[in-house]
């Protein structure tokens, strides 16, 4: 796959998260797709720079590998990083999120962060 294919996949996750947020209370899937959008975008950048992708879902490890140093993006990635396990697996480690599953406000923030990350990386891929 090419980096642009990973960005397109990230944008599909963004659309999925946005669609799930319209008139529903599906905060966990919104947060999950937001995390996935960021993960796929970072993997696009890693693929562009290094021609291979690590098999991890840890956004902070991926950011380090991608050599992302932008403080705002790092902060957004830290926020999103906590959503992978508890939104994916019902038996995730207790206390992964303070509130259990993400709240509507947390999911909305996750989506906004993912939009920023995907936009930031898309500019670097183009």
PDB file of N, CA and C in Angstrom:
ATOM      1  N   UNK A   1       0.832  -1.192   0.000  1.00  0.00           N
ATOM      2  CA  UNK A   1       0.000   0.000   0.000  1.00  0.00           C
ATOM      3  C   UNK A   1       0.872   1.248   0.000  1.00  0.00           C
ATOM      4  N   UNK A   2       0.279   2.315  -0.482  1.00  0.00           N
ATOM      5  CA  UNK A   2       0.956   3.606  -0.542  1.00  0.00           C
ATOM      6  C   UNK A   2       0.503   4.470   0.636  1.00  0.00           C
ATOM      7  N   UNK A   3       1.298   5.467   1.002  1.00  0.00           N
ATOM      8  CA  UNK A   3       0.892   6.368   2.088  1.00  0.00           C
ATOM      9  C   UNK A   3      -0.483   6.991   1.859  1.00  0.00           C
ATOM     10  N   UNK A   4      -0.795   7.344   0.636  1.00  0.00           N
ATOM     11  CA  UNK A   4      -2.096   7.968   0.351  1.00  0.00           C
ATOM     12  C   UNK A   4      -3.245   7.011   0.650  1.00  0.00           C
ATOM     13  N   UNK A   5      -3.017   5.712   0.473  1.00  0.00           N
ATOM     14  CA  UNK A   5      -4.052   4.722   0.795  1.00  0.00           C
ATOM     15  C   UNK A   5      -4.337   4.713   2.297  1.00  0.00           C
ATOM     16  N   UNK A   6      -3.293   4.885   3.102  1.00  0.00           N
ATOM     17  CA  UNK A   6      -3.472   4.933   4.556  1.00  0.00           C
ATOM     18  C   UNK A   6      -4.216   6.210   4.964  1.00  0.00           C
ATOM     19  N   UNK A   7      -3.914   7.316   4.293  1.00  0.00           N
ATOM     20  CA  UNK A   7      -4.631   8.570   4.598  1.00  0.00           C
ATOM     21  C   UNK A   7      -6.098   8.427   4.218  1.00  0.00           C
ATOM     22  N   UNK A   8      -6.371   7.827   3.081  1.00  0.00           N
ATOM     23  CA  UNK A   8      -7.770   7.617   2.677  1.00  0.00           C
ATOM     24  C   UNK A   8      -8.500   6.737   3.692  1.00  0.00           C
ATOM     25  N   UNK A   9      -7.822   5.713   4.202  1.00  0.00           N
ATOM     26  CA  UNK A   9      -8.427   4.855   5.226  1.00  0.00           C
ATOM     27  C   UNK A   9      -8.677   5.650   6.505  1.00  0.00           C
ATOM     28  N   UNK A  10      -7.753   6.540   6.841  1.00  0.00           N
ATOM     29  CA  UNK A  10      -7.933   7.408   8.016  1.00  0.00           C
ATOM     30  C   UNK A  10      -9.155   8.305   7.830  1.00  0.00           C
ATOM     31  N   UNK A  11      -9.319   8.831   6.635  1.00  0.00           N
ATOM     32  CA  UNK A  11     -10.467   9.706   6.358  1.00  0.00           C
ATOM     33  C   UNK A  11     -11.789   8.943   6.409  1.00  0.00           C
ATOM     34  N   UNK A  12     -11.777   7.684   6.046  1.00  0.00           N
ATOM     35  CA  UNK A  12     -12.979   6.845   6.174  1.00  0.00           C
ATOM     36  C   UNK A  12     -13.330   6.685   7.657  1.00  0.00           C
ATOM     37  N   UNK A  13     -12.311   6.478   8.491  1.00  0.00           N
ATOM     38  CA  UNK A  13     -12.574   6.388   9.933  1.00  0.00           C
ATOM     39  C   UNK A  13     -13.131   7.704  10.475  1.00  0.00           C
ATOM     40  N   UNK A  14     -12.621   8.827   9.989  1.00  0.00           N
ATOM     41  CA  UNK A  14     -13.165  10.122  10.415  1.00  0.00           C
ATOM     42  C   UNK A  14     -14.631  10.248  10.031  1.00  0.00           C
ATOM     43  N   UNK A  15     -14.953   9.868   8.793  1.00  0.00           N
ATOM     44  CA  UNK A  15     -16.349   9.920   8.348  1.00  0.00           C
ATOM     45  C   UNK A  15     -17.224   8.991   9.182  1.00  0.00           C
ATOM     46  N   UNK A  16     -16.699   7.825   9.497  1.00  0.00           N
ATOM     47  CA  UNK A  16     -17.452   6.876  10.322  1.00  0.00           C
ATOM     48  C   UNK A  16     -17.740   7.475  11.692  1.00  0.00           C
ATOM     49  N   UNK A  17     -16.730   8.049  12.315  1.00  0.00           N
ATOM     50  CA  UNK A  17     -16.905   8.651  13.638  1.00  0.00           C
ATOM     51  C   UNK A  17     -17.910   9.793  13.588  1.00  0.00           C
ATOM     52  N   UNK A  18     -17.794  10.613  12.564  1.00  0.00           N
ATOM     53  CA  UNK A  18     -18.714  11.755  12.427  1.00  0.00           C
ATOM     54  C   UNK A  18     -20.144  11.265  12.229  1.00  0.00           C
ATOM     55  N   UNK A  19     -20.333  10.279  11.380  1.00  0.00           N
ATOM     56  CA  UNK A  19     -21.665   9.729  11.107  1.00  0.00           C
ATOM     57  C   UNK A  19     -22.267   9.100  12.359  1.00  0.00           C
ATOM     58  N   UNK A  20     -21.455   8.390  13.121  1.00  0.00           N
ATOM     59  CA  UNK A  20     -21.939   7.766  14.354  1.00  0.00           C
ATOM     60  C   UNK A  20     -22.380   8.807  15.378  1.00  0.00           C
ATOM     61  N   UNK A  21     -21.850  10.002  15.278  1.00  0.00           N
ATOM     62  CA  UNK A  21     -22.173  11.049  16.237  1.00  0.00           C
ATOM     63  C   UNK A  21     -23.451  11.801  15.942  1.00  0.00           C
ATOM     64  N   UNK A  22     -24.056  11.561  14.803  1.00  0.00           N
ATOM     65  CA  UNK A  22     -25.261  12.297  14.416  1.00  0.00           C
ATOM     66  C   UNK A  22     -26.490  11.631  15.025  1.00  0.00           C
ATOM     67  N   UNK A  23     -27.047  12.271  16.031  1.00  0.00           N
ATOM     68  CA  UNK A  23     -28.287  11.799  16.629  1.00  0.00           C
ATOM     69  C   UNK A  23     -28.186  10.485  17.383  1.00  0.00           C
ATOM     70  N   UNK A  24     -26.977  10.115  17.835  1.00  0.00           N
ATOM     71  CA  UNK A  24     -26.815   8.854  18.559  1.00  0.00           C
ATOM     72  C   UNK A  24     -26.036   9.103  19.841  1.00  0.00           C
ATOM     73  N   UNK A  25     -25.973   8.087  20.658  1.00  0.00           N
ATOM     74  CA  UNK A  25     -25.126   8.128  21.836  1.00  0.00           C
ATOM     75  C   UNK A  25     -24.138   6.965  21.738  1.00  0.00           C
ATOM     76  N   UNK A  26     -23.354   6.969  20.699  1.00  0.00           N
ATOM     77  CA  UNK A  26     -22.390   5.897  20.447  1.00  0.00           C
ATOM     78  C   UNK A  26     -20.968   6.412  20.688  1.00  0.00           C
ATOM     79  N   UNK A  27     -20.723   6.870  21.883  1.00  0.00           N
ATOM     80  CA  UNK A  27     -19.446   7.505  22.200  1.00  0.00           C
ATOM     81  C   UNK A  27     -18.252   6.574  22.041  1.00  0.00           C
ATOM     82  N   UNK A  28     -18.381   5.324  22.457  1.00  0.00           N
ATOM     83  CA  UNK A  28     -17.246   4.397  22.354  1.00  0.00           C
ATOM     84  C   UNK A  28     -16.828   4.174  20.900  1.00  0.00           C
ATOM     85  N   UNK A  29     -17.760   3.883  19.988  1.00  0.00           N
ATOM     86  CA  UNK A  29     -17.329   3.718  18.593  1.00  0.00           C
ATOM     87  C   UNK A  29     -16.791   5.011  17.968  1.00  0.00           C
ATOM     88  N   UNK A  30     -17.319   6.155  18.388  1.00  0.00           N
ATOM     89  CA  UNK A  30     -16.799   7.432  17.882  1.00  0.00           C
ATOM     90  C   UNK A  30     -15.340   7.587  18.305  1.00  0.00           C
ATOM     91  N   UNK A  31     -15.073   7.339  19.592  1.00  0.00           N
ATOM     92  CA  UNK A  31     -13.702   7.451  20.098  1.00  0.00           C
ATOM     93  C   UNK A  31     -12.790   6.425  19.430  1.00  0.00           C
ATOM     94  N   UNK A  32     -13.295   5.208  19.230  1.00  0.00           N
ATOM     95  CA  UNK A  32     -12.490   4.168  18.587  1.00  0.00           C
ATOM     96  C   UNK A  32     -12.110   4.565  17.160  1.00  0.00           C
ATOM     97  N   UNK A  33     -13.085   4.991  16.367  1.00  0.00           N
ATOM     98  CA  UNK A  33     -12.782   5.370  14.976  1.00  0.00           C
ATOM     99  C   UNK A  33     -11.877   6.599  14.925  1.00  0.00           C
ATOM    100  N   UNK A  34     -11.999   7.469  15.893  1.00  0.00           N
ATOM    101  CA  UNK A  34     -11.109   8.628  15.956  1.00  0.00           C
ATOM    102  C   UNK A  34      -9.671   8.185  16.210  1.00  0.00           C
ATOM    103  N   UNK A  35      -9.496   7.260  17.149  1.00  0.00           N
ATOM    104  CA  UNK A  35      -8.166   6.723  17.430  1.00  0.00           C
ATOM    105  C   UNK A  35      -7.609   6.028  16.193  1.00  0.00           C
ATOM    106  N   UNK A  36      -8.447   5.265  15.527  1.00  0.00           N
ATOM    107  CA  UNK A  36      -8.014   4.546  14.330  1.00  0.00           C
ATOM    108  C   UNK A  36      -7.613   5.505  13.215  1.00  0.00           C
ATOM    109  N   UNK A  37      -8.329   6.598  13.068  1.00  0.00           N
ATOM    110  CA  UNK A  37      -7.980   7.596  12.053  1.00  0.00           C
ATOM    111  C   UNK A  37      -6.578   8.137  12.311  1.00  0.00           C
ATOM    112  N   UNK A  38      -6.299   8.468  13.558  1.00  0.00           N
ATOM    113  CA  UNK A  38      -4.976   8.981  13.901  1.00  0.00           C
ATOM    114  C   UNK A  38      -3.904   7.915  13.662  1.00  0.00           C
ATOM    115  N   UNK A  39      -4.186   6.697  14.065  1.00  0.00           N
ATOM    116  CA  UNK A  39      -3.217   5.603  13.880  1.00  0.00           C
ATOM    117  C   UNK A  39      -2.888   5.405  12.403  1.00  0.00           C
ATOM    118  N   UNK A  40      -3.898   5.374  11.574  1.00  0.00           N
ATOM    119  CA  UNK A  40      -3.675   5.148  10.145  1.00  0.00           C
ATOM    120  C   UNK A  40      -2.935   6.320   9.509  1.00  0.00           C
ATOM    121  N   UNK A  41      -3.233   7.530   9.950  1.00  0.00           N
ATOM    122  CA  UNK A  41      -2.533   8.700   9.420  1.00  0.00           C
ATOM    123  C   UNK A  41      -1.046   8.642   9.775  1.00  0.00           C
ATOM    124  N   UNK A  42      -0.742   8.317  11.019  1.00  0.00           N
ATOM    125  CA  UNK A  42       0.671   8.221  11.416  1.00  0.00           C
ATOM    126  C   UNK A  42       1.367   7.116  10.634  1.00  0.00           C
ATOM    127  N   UNK A  43       0.692   6.017  10.435  1.00  0.00           N
ATOM    128  CA  UNK A  43       1.294   4.927   9.669  1.00  0.00           C
ATOM    129  C   UNK A  43       1.547   5.355   8.221  1.00  0.00           C
ATOM    130  N   UNK A  44       0.712   6.227   7.682  1.00  0.00           N
ATOM    131  CA  UNK A  44       0.961   6.776   6.344  1.00  0.00           C
ATOM    132  C   UNK A  44       2.267   7.556   6.330  1.00  0.00           C
ATOM    133  N   UNK A  45       2.472   8.366   7.356  1.00  0.00           N
ATOM    134  CA  UNK A  45       3.695   9.168   7.440  1.00  0.00           C
ATOM    135  C   UNK A  45       4.926   8.270   7.612  1.00  0.00           C
ATOM    136  N   UNK A  46       4.811   7.262   8.444  1.00  0.00           N
ATOM    137  CA  UNK A  46       5.922   6.322   8.641  1.00  0.00           C
ATOM    138  C   UNK A  46       6.239   5.607   7.332  1.00  0.00           C
ATOM    139  N   UNK A  47       5.211   5.181   6.621  1.00  0.00           N
ATOM    140  CA  UNK A  47       5.412   4.503   5.340  1.00  0.00           C
ATOM    141  C   UNK A  47       6.107   5.422   4.342  1.00  0.00           C
ATOM    142  N   UNK A  48       5.699   6.685   4.314  1.00  0.00           N
ATOM    143  CA  UNK A  48       6.334   7.635   3.397  1.00  0.00           C
ATOM    144  C   UNK A  48       7.810   7.831   3.737  1.00  0.00           C
ATOM    145  N   UNK A  49       8.103   7.950   5.026  1.00  0.00           N
ATOM    146  CA  UNK A  49       9.478   8.225   5.446  1.00  0.00           C
ATOM    147  C   UNK A  49      10.382   6.995   5.405  1.00  0.00           C
ATOM    148  N   UNK A  50       9.853   5.841   5.830  1.00  0.00           N
ATOM    149  CA  UNK A  50      10.712   4.682   6.069  1.00  0.00           C
ATOM    150  C   UNK A  50      10.338   3.421   5.287  1.00  0.00           C
ATOM    151  N   UNK A  51       9.237   3.485   4.524  1.00  0.00           N
ATOM    152  CA  UNK A  51       8.831   2.400   3.641  1.00  0.00           C
ATOM    153  C   UNK A  51       8.447   1.105   4.343  1.00  0.00           C
ATOM    154  N   UNK A  52       8.106   1.196   5.623  1.00  0.00           N
ATOM    155  CA  UNK A  52       7.597   0.042   6.364  1.00  0.00           C
ATOM    156  C   UNK A  52       6.771   0.569   7.539  1.00  0.00           C
ATOM    157  N   UNK A  53       5.904  -0.287   8.065  1.00  0.00           N
ATOM    158  CA  UNK A  53       5.011   0.123   9.138  1.00  0.00           C
ATOM    159  C   UNK A  53       5.136  -0.845  10.312  1.00  0.00           C
ATOM    160  N   UNK A  54       5.207  -0.293  11.508  1.00  0.00           N
ATOM    161  CA  UNK A  54       5.232  -1.115  12.719  1.00  0.00           C
ATOM    162  C   UNK A  54       3.833  -1.621  13.026  1.00  0.00           C
ATOM    163  N   UNK A  55       3.772  -2.787  13.618  1.00  0.00           N
ATOM    164  CA  UNK A  55       2.480  -3.369  14.001  1.00  0.00           C
ATOM    165  C   UNK A  55       2.224  -3.063  15.467  1.00  0.00           C
ATOM    166  N   UNK A  56       1.754  -1.861  15.730  1.00  0.00           N
ATOM    167  CA  UNK A  56       1.375  -1.446  17.068  1.00  0.00           C
ATOM    168  C   UNK A  56       0.202  -0.483  16.957  1.00  0.00           C
ATOM    169  N   UNK A  57      -0.566  -0.388  18.031  1.00  0.00           N
ATOM    170  CA  UNK A  57      -1.670   0.565  18.081  1.00  0.00           C
ATOM    171  C   UNK A  57      -1.333   1.730  19.006  1.00  0.00           C
ATOM    172  N   UNK A  58      -0.147   1.727  19.585  1.00  0.00           N
ATOM    173  CA  UNK A  58       0.273   2.757  20.528  1.00  0.00           C
ATOM    174  C   UNK A  58       0.665   4.016  19.753  1.00  0.00           C
ATOM    175  N   UNK A  59      -0.173   5.025  19.857  1.00  0.00           N
ATOM    176  CA  UNK A  59       0.052   6.253  19.085  1.00  0.00           C
ATOM    177  C   UNK A  59       1.334   6.966  19.484  1.00  0.00           C
ATOM    178  N   UNK A  60       1.728   6.866  20.736  1.00  0.00           N
ATOM    179  CA  UNK A  60       2.952   7.534  21.171  1.00  0.00           C
ATOM    180  C   UNK A  60       4.195   6.847  20.591  1.00  0.00           C
ATOM    181  N   UNK A  61       4.176   5.535  20.524  1.00  0.00           N
ATOM    182  CA  UNK A  61       5.291   4.812  19.896  1.00  0.00           C
ATOM    183  C   UNK A  61       5.354   5.152  18.407  1.00  0.00           C
ATOM    184  N   UNK A  62       4.188   5.192  17.783  1.00  0.00           N
ATOM    185  CA  UNK A  62       4.146   5.515  16.359  1.00  0.00           C
ATOM    186  C   UNK A  62       4.615   6.949  16.102  1.00  0.00           C
ATOM    187  N   UNK A  63       4.214   7.882  16.967  1.00  0.00           N
ATOM    188  CA  UNK A  63       4.630   9.287  16.810  1.00  0.00           C
ATOM    189  C   UNK A  63       6.143   9.416  16.915  1.00  0.00           C
ATOM    190  N   UNK A  64       6.724   8.685  17.858  1.00  0.00           N
ATOM    191  CA  UNK A  64       8.180   8.710  18.007  1.00  0.00           C
ATOM    192  C   UNK A  64       8.838   8.146  16.752  1.00  0.00           C
ATOM    193  N   UNK A  65       8.306   7.034  16.273  1.00  0.00           N
ATOM    194  CA  UNK A  65       8.858   6.416  15.068  1.00  0.00           C
ATOM    195  C   UNK A  65       8.725   7.343  13.858  1.00  0.00           C
ATOM    196  N   UNK A  66       7.625   8.072  13.792  1.00  0.00           N
ATOM    197  CA  UNK A  66       7.378   8.992  12.671  1.00  0.00           C
ATOM    198  C   UNK A  66       8.131  10.306  12.826  1.00  0.00           C
ATOM    199  N   UNK A  67       8.774  10.476  13.980  1.00  0.00           N
ATOM    200  CA  UNK A  67       9.539  11.695  14.285  1.00  0.00           C
ATOM    201  C   UNK A  67       8.652  12.931  14.324  1.00  0.00           C
ATOM    202  N   UNK A  68       7.456  12.773  14.897  1.00  0.00           N
ATOM    203  CA  UNK A  68       6.538  13.898  15.068  1.00  0.00           C
ATOM    204  C   UNK A  68       6.976  14.658  16.316  1.00  0.00           C
ATOM    205  N   UNK A  69       7.205  15.954  16.159  1.00  0.00           N
ATOM    206  CA  UNK A  69       7.657  16.773  17.283  1.00  0.00           C
ATOM    207  C   UNK A  69       6.710  17.925  17.600  1.00  0.00           C
ATOM    208  N   UNK A  70       5.676  18.109  16.809  1.00  0.00           N
ATOM    209  CA  UNK A  70       4.718  19.193  17.028  1.00  0.00           C
ATOM    210  C   UNK A  70       3.979  18.962  18.353  1.00  0.00           C
ATOM    211  N   UNK A  71       4.122  19.890  19.291  1.00  0.00           N
ATOM    212  CA  UNK A  71       3.553  19.730  20.636  1.00  0.00           C
ATOM    213  C   UNK A  71       2.041  19.571  20.631  1.00  0.00           C
ATOM    214  N   UNK A  72       1.348  20.321  19.792  1.00  0.00           N
ATOM    215  CA  UNK A  72      -0.110  20.216  19.736  1.00  0.00           C
ATOM    216  C   UNK A  72      -0.535  18.835  19.246  1.00  0.00           C
ATOM    217  N   UNK A  73       0.118  18.340  18.223  1.00  0.00           N
ATOM    218  CA  UNK A  73      -0.202  17.008  17.693  1.00  0.00           C
ATOM    219  C   UNK A  73       0.129  15.940  18.732  1.00  0.00           C
ATOM    220  N   UNK A  74       1.252  16.068  19.406  1.00  0.00           N
ATOM    221  CA  UNK A  74       1.617  15.102  20.455  1.00  0.00           C
ATOM    222  C   UNK A  74       0.548  15.093  21.546  1.00  0.00           C
ATOM    223  N   UNK A  75       0.076  16.247  21.942  1.00  0.00           N
ATOM    224  CA  UNK A  75      -0.971  16.339  22.959  1.00  0.00           C
ATOM    225  C   UNK A  75      -2.257  15.656  22.487  1.00  0.00           C
ATOM    226  N   UNK A  76      -2.627  15.871  21.243  1.00  0.00           N
ATOM    227  CA  UNK A  76      -3.823  15.238  20.682  1.00  0.00           C
ATOM    228  C   UNK A  76      -3.657  13.719  20.620  1.00  0.00           C
ATOM    229  N   UNK A  77      -2.474  13.272  20.274  1.00  0.00           N
ATOM    230  CA  UNK A  77      -2.205  11.835  20.213  1.00  0.00           C
ATOM    231  C   UNK A  77      -2.284  11.200  21.601  1.00  0.00           C
ATOM    232  N   UNK A  78      -1.763  11.884  22.611  1.00  0.00           N
ATOM    233  CA  UNK A  78      -1.850  11.377  23.982  1.00  0.00           C
ATOM    234  C   UNK A  78      -3.313  11.202  24.384  1.00  0.00           C
ATOM    235  N   UNK A  79      -4.125  12.179  24.026  1.00  0.00           N
ATOM    236  CA  UNK A  79      -5.549  12.100  24.359  1.00  0.00           C
ATOM    237  C   UNK A  79      -6.193  10.884  23.694  1.00  0.00           C
ATOM    238  N   UNK A  80      -5.928  10.698  22.416  1.00  0.00           N
ATOM    239  CA  UNK A  80      -6.535   9.598  21.659  1.00  0.00           C
ATOM    240  C   UNK A  80      -5.980   8.232  22.041  1.00  0.00           C
ATOM    241  N   UNK A  81      -4.748   8.184  22.468  1.00  0.00           N
ATOM    242  CA  UNK A  81      -4.080   6.908  22.737  1.00  0.00           C
ATOM    243  C   UNK A  81      -4.822   6.075  23.780  1.00  0.00           C
ATOM    244  N   UNK A  82      -5.493   6.721  24.693  1.00  0.00           N
ATOM    245  CA  UNK A  82      -6.160   5.995  25.774  1.00  0.00           C
ATOM    246  C   UNK A  82      -7.452   5.317  25.358  1.00  0.00           C
ATOM    247  N   UNK A  83      -7.911   5.543  24.134  1.00  0.00           N
ATOM    248  CA  UNK A  83      -9.200   4.998  23.713  1.00  0.00           C
ATOM    249  C   UNK A  83      -9.137   3.647  23.013  1.00  0.00           C
ATOM    250  N   UNK A  84      -7.983   3.197  22.565  1.00  0.00           N
ATOM    251  CA  UNK A  84      -7.952   1.977  21.773  1.00  0.00           C
ATOM    252  C   UNK A  84      -8.507   0.774  22.531  1.00  0.00           C
ATOM    253  N   UNK A  85      -7.908   0.414  23.632  1.00  0.00           N
ATOM    254  CA  UNK A  85      -8.322  -0.812  24.319  1.00  0.00           C
ATOM    255  C   UNK A  85      -9.732  -0.758  24.908  1.00  0.00           C
ATOM    256  N   UNK A  86     -10.079   0.254  25.689  1.00  0.00           N
ATOM    257  CA  UNK A  86     -11.410   0.206  26.318  1.00  0.00           C
ATOM    258  C   UNK A  86     -12.582   0.339  25.339  1.00  0.00           C
ATOM    259  N   UNK A  87     -12.352   0.871  24.151  1.00  0.00           N
ATOM    260  CA  UNK A  87     -13.436   0.972  23.171  1.00  0.00           C
ATOM    261  C   UNK A  87     -13.481  -0.239  22.252  1.00  0.00           C
ATOM    262  N   UNK A  88     -12.453  -1.040  22.291  1.00  0.00           N
ATOM    263  CA  UNK A  88     -12.356  -2.205  21.418  1.00  0.00           C
ATOM    264  C   UNK A  88     -12.686  -3.498  22.151  1.00  0.00           C
ATOM    265  N   UNK A  89     -12.240  -3.594  23.387  1.00  0.00           N
ATOM    266  CA  UNK A  89     -12.360  -4.843  24.133  1.00  0.00           C
ATOM    267  C   UNK A  89     -13.143  -4.628  25.427  1.00  0.00           C
ATOM    268  N   UNK A  90     -14.245  -5.330  25.610  1.00  0.00           N
ATOM    269  CA  UNK A  90     -15.037  -5.157  26.830  1.00  0.00           C
ATOM    270  C   UNK A  90     -14.317  -5.585  28.095  1.00  0.00           C
ATOM    271  N   UNK A  91     -13.297  -6.401  27.964  1.00  0.00           N
ATOM    272  CA  UNK A  91     -12.563  -6.846  29.148  1.00  0.00           C
ATOM    273  C   UNK A  91     -11.236  -6.104  29.323  1.00  0.00           C
ATOM    274  N   UNK A  92     -11.168  -4.893  28.749  1.00  0.00           N
ATOM    275  CA  UNK A  92      -9.947  -4.093  28.887  1.00  0.00           C
ATOM    276  C   UNK A  92      -9.673  -3.822  30.359  1.00  0.00           C
ATOM    277  N   UNK A  93      -8.448  -3.521  30.634  1.00  0.00           N
ATOM    278  CA  UNK A  93      -8.022  -3.282  32.012  1.00  0.00           C
ATOM    279  C   UNK A  93      -8.926  -2.239  32.667  1.00  0.00           C
ATOM    280  N   UNK A  94      -9.468  -2.607  33.824  1.00  0.00           N
ATOM    281  CA  UNK A  94     -10.334  -1.681  34.564  1.00  0.00           C
ATOM    282  C   UNK A  94      -9.552  -0.408  34.869  1.00  0.00           C
ATOM    283  N   UNK A  95     -10.242   0.713  34.718  1.00  0.00           N
ATOM    284  CA  UNK A  95      -9.606   1.993  35.010  1.00  0.00           C
ATOM    285  C   UNK A  95      -8.864   2.584  33.833  1.00  0.00           C
ATOM    286  N   UNK A  96      -8.951   1.965  32.649  1.00  0.00           N
ATOM    287  CA  UNK A  96      -8.288   2.520  31.475  1.00  0.00           C
ATOM    288  C   UNK A  96      -8.760   3.946  31.229  1.00  0.00           C
ATOM    289  N   UNK A  97     -10.047   4.145  31.421  1.00  0.00           N
ATOM    290  CA  UNK A  97     -10.633   5.484  31.357  1.00  0.00           C
ATOM    291  C   UNK A  97     -11.285   5.750  32.707  1.00  0.00           C
ATOM    292  N   UNK A  98     -11.160   6.968  33.162  1.00  0.00           N
ATOM    293  CA  UNK A  98     -11.703   7.325  34.467  1.00  0.00           C
ATOM    294  C   UNK A  98     -13.204   7.075  34.558  1.00  0.00           C
ATOM    295  N   UNK A  99     -13.911   7.270  33.474  1.00  0.00           N
ATOM    296  CA  UNK A  99     -15.372   7.178  33.471  1.00  0.00           C
ATOM    297  C   UNK A  99     -15.897   5.862  32.928  1.00  0.00           C
ATOM    298  N   UNK A 100     -15.040   4.877  32.723  1.00  0.00           N
ATOM    299  CA  UNK A 100     -15.476   3.644  32.075  1.00  0.00           C
ATOM    300  C   UNK A 100     -15.348   3.829  30.571  1.00  0.00           C
ATOM    301  N   UNK A 101     -16.461   3.821  29.879  1.00  0.00           N
ATOM    302  CA  UNK A 101     -16.439   4.108  28.441  1.00  0.00           C
ATOM    303  C   UNK A 101     -16.427   5.622  28.236  1.00  0.00           C
ATOM    304  N   UNK A 102     -15.998   6.079  27.065  1.00  0.00           N
ATOM    305  CA  UNK A 102     -15.934   7.518  26.840  1.00  0.00           C
ATOM    306  C   UNK A 102     -17.306   8.188  26.953  1.00  0.00           C
ATOM    307  N   UNK A 103     -17.300   9.387  27.473  1.00  0.00           N
ATOM    308  CA  UNK A 103     -18.513  10.203  27.511  1.00  0.00           C
ATOM    309  C   UNK A 103     -18.709  10.851  26.144  1.00  0.00           C
ATOM    310  N   UNK A 104     -19.843  11.456  25.953  1.00  0.00           N
ATOM    311  CA  UNK A 104     -20.124  12.178  24.702  1.00  0.00           C
ATOM    312  C   UNK A 104     -19.079  13.283  24.495  1.00  0.00           C
ATOM    313  N   UNK A 105     -18.750  14.001  25.570  1.00  0.00           N
ATOM    314  CA  UNK A 105     -17.766  15.085  25.464  1.00  0.00           C
ATOM    315  C   UNK A 105     -16.383  14.542  25.098  1.00  0.00           C
ATOM    316  N   UNK A 106     -16.005  13.414  25.691  1.00  0.00           N
ATOM    317  CA  UNK A 106     -14.711  12.808  25.356  1.00  0.00           C
ATOM    318  C   UNK A 106     -14.681  12.335  23.908  1.00  0.00           C
ATOM    319  N   UNK A 107     -15.781  11.766  23.448  1.00  0.00           N
ATOM    320  CA  UNK A 107     -15.853  11.304  22.060  1.00  0.00           C
ATOM    321  C   UNK A 107     -15.782  12.479  21.091  1.00  0.00           C
ATOM    322  N   UNK A 108     -16.476  13.556  21.413  1.00  0.00           N
ATOM    323  CA  UNK A 108     -16.424  14.757  20.565  1.00  0.00           C
ATOM    324  C   UNK A 108     -15.001  15.305  20.488  1.00  0.00           C
ATOM    325  N   UNK A 109     -14.318  15.336  21.637  1.00  0.00           N
ATOM    326  CA  UNK A 109     -12.935  15.815  21.666  1.00  0.00           C
ATOM    327  C   UNK A 109     -12.026  14.863  20.884  1.00  0.00           C
ATOM    328  N   UNK A 110     -12.276  13.577  20.993  1.00  0.00           N
ATOM    329  CA  UNK A 110     -11.487  12.596  20.244  1.00  0.00           C
ATOM    330  C   UNK A 110     -11.614  12.848  18.743  1.00  0.00           C
ATOM    331  N   UNK A 111     -12.825  13.084  18.293  1.00  0.00           N
ATOM    332  CA  UNK A 111     -13.048  13.333  16.868  1.00  0.00           C
ATOM    333  C   UNK A 111     -12.344  14.618  16.421  1.00  0.00           C
ATOM    334  N   UNK A 112     -12.435  15.663  17.214  1.00  0.00           N
ATOM    335  CA  UNK A 112     -11.762  16.919  16.859  1.00  0.00           C
ATOM    336  C   UNK A 112     -10.246  16.724  16.791  1.00  0.00           C
ATOM    337  N   UNK A 113      -9.705  15.991  17.763  1.00  0.00           N
ATOM    338  CA  UNK A 113      -8.263  15.723  17.749  1.00  0.00           C
ATOM    339  C   UNK A 113      -7.864  14.922  16.517  1.00  0.00           C
ATOM    340  N   UNK A 114      -8.649  13.905  16.195  1.00  0.00           N
ATOM    341  CA  UNK A 114      -8.341  13.074  15.025  1.00  0.00           C
ATOM    342  C   UNK A 114      -8.361  13.900  13.742  1.00  0.00           C
ATOM    343  N   UNK A 115      -9.331  14.794  13.622  1.00  0.00           N
ATOM    344  CA  UNK A 115      -9.388  15.668  12.437  1.00  0.00           C
ATOM    345  C   UNK A 115      -8.103  16.486  12.312  1.00  0.00           C
ATOM    346  N   UNK A 116      -7.644  17.029  13.432  1.00  0.00           N
ATOM    347  CA  UNK A 116      -6.422  17.830  13.407  1.00  0.00           C
ATOM    348  C   UNK A 116      -5.206  17.018  13.014  1.00  0.00           C
ATOM    349  N   UNK A 117      -5.109  15.824  13.544  1.00  0.00           N
ATOM    350  CA  UNK A 117      -3.967  14.945  13.264  1.00  0.00           C
ATOM    351  C   UNK A 117      -3.964  14.522  11.797  1.00  0.00           C
ATOM    352  N   UNK A 118      -5.109  14.085  11.303  1.00  0.00           N
ATOM    353  CA  UNK A 118      -5.179  13.641   9.901  1.00  0.00           C
ATOM    354  C   UNK A 118      -4.857  14.800   8.964  1.00  0.00           C
ATOM    355  N   UNK A 119      -5.387  15.981   9.248  1.00  0.00           N
ATOM    356  CA  UNK A 119      -5.091  17.156   8.416  1.00  0.00           C
ATOM    357  C   UNK A 119      -3.611  17.506   8.430  1.00  0.00           C
ATOM    358  N   UNK A 120      -3.021  17.479   9.601  1.00  0.00           N
ATOM    359  CA  UNK A 120      -1.600  17.779   9.760  1.00  0.00           C
ATOM    360  C   UNK A 120      -0.745  16.804   8.951  1.00  0.00           C
ATOM    361  N   UNK A 121      -1.061  15.538   9.042  1.00  0.00           N
ATOM    362  CA  UNK A 121      -0.264  14.517   8.343  1.00  0.00           C
ATOM    363  C   UNK A 121      -0.548  14.520   6.852  1.00  0.00           C
ATOM    364  N   UNK A 122      -1.792  14.764   6.470  1.00  0.00           N
ATOM    365  CA  UNK A 122      -2.129  14.800   5.041  1.00  0.00           C
ATOM    366  C   UNK A 122      -1.244  15.827   4.326  1.00  0.00           C
ATOM    367  N   UNK A 123      -1.027  16.967   4.955  1.00  0.00           N
ATOM    368  CA  UNK A 123      -0.186  18.015   4.345  1.00  0.00           C
ATOM    369  C   UNK A 123       1.246  17.511   4.140  1.00  0.00           C
ATOM    370  N   UNK A 124       1.711  16.654   5.031  1.00  0.00           N
ATOM    371  CA  UNK A 124       3.077  16.138   4.920  1.00  0.00           C
ATOM    372  C   UNK A 124       3.193  15.024   3.877  1.00  0.00           C
ATOM    373  N   UNK A 125       2.087  14.357   3.608  1.00  0.00           N
ATOM    374  CA  UNK A 125       2.091  13.254   2.639  1.00  0.00           C
ATOM    375  C   UNK A 125       1.999  13.784   1.210  1.00  0.00           C
ATOM    376  N   UNK A 126       1.278  14.886   1.041  1.00  0.00           N
ATOM    377  CA  UNK A 126       1.014  15.424  -0.309  1.00  0.00           C
ATOM    378  C   UNK A 126       2.270  15.779  -1.065  1.00  0.00           C
TER     379      UNK A 126
END
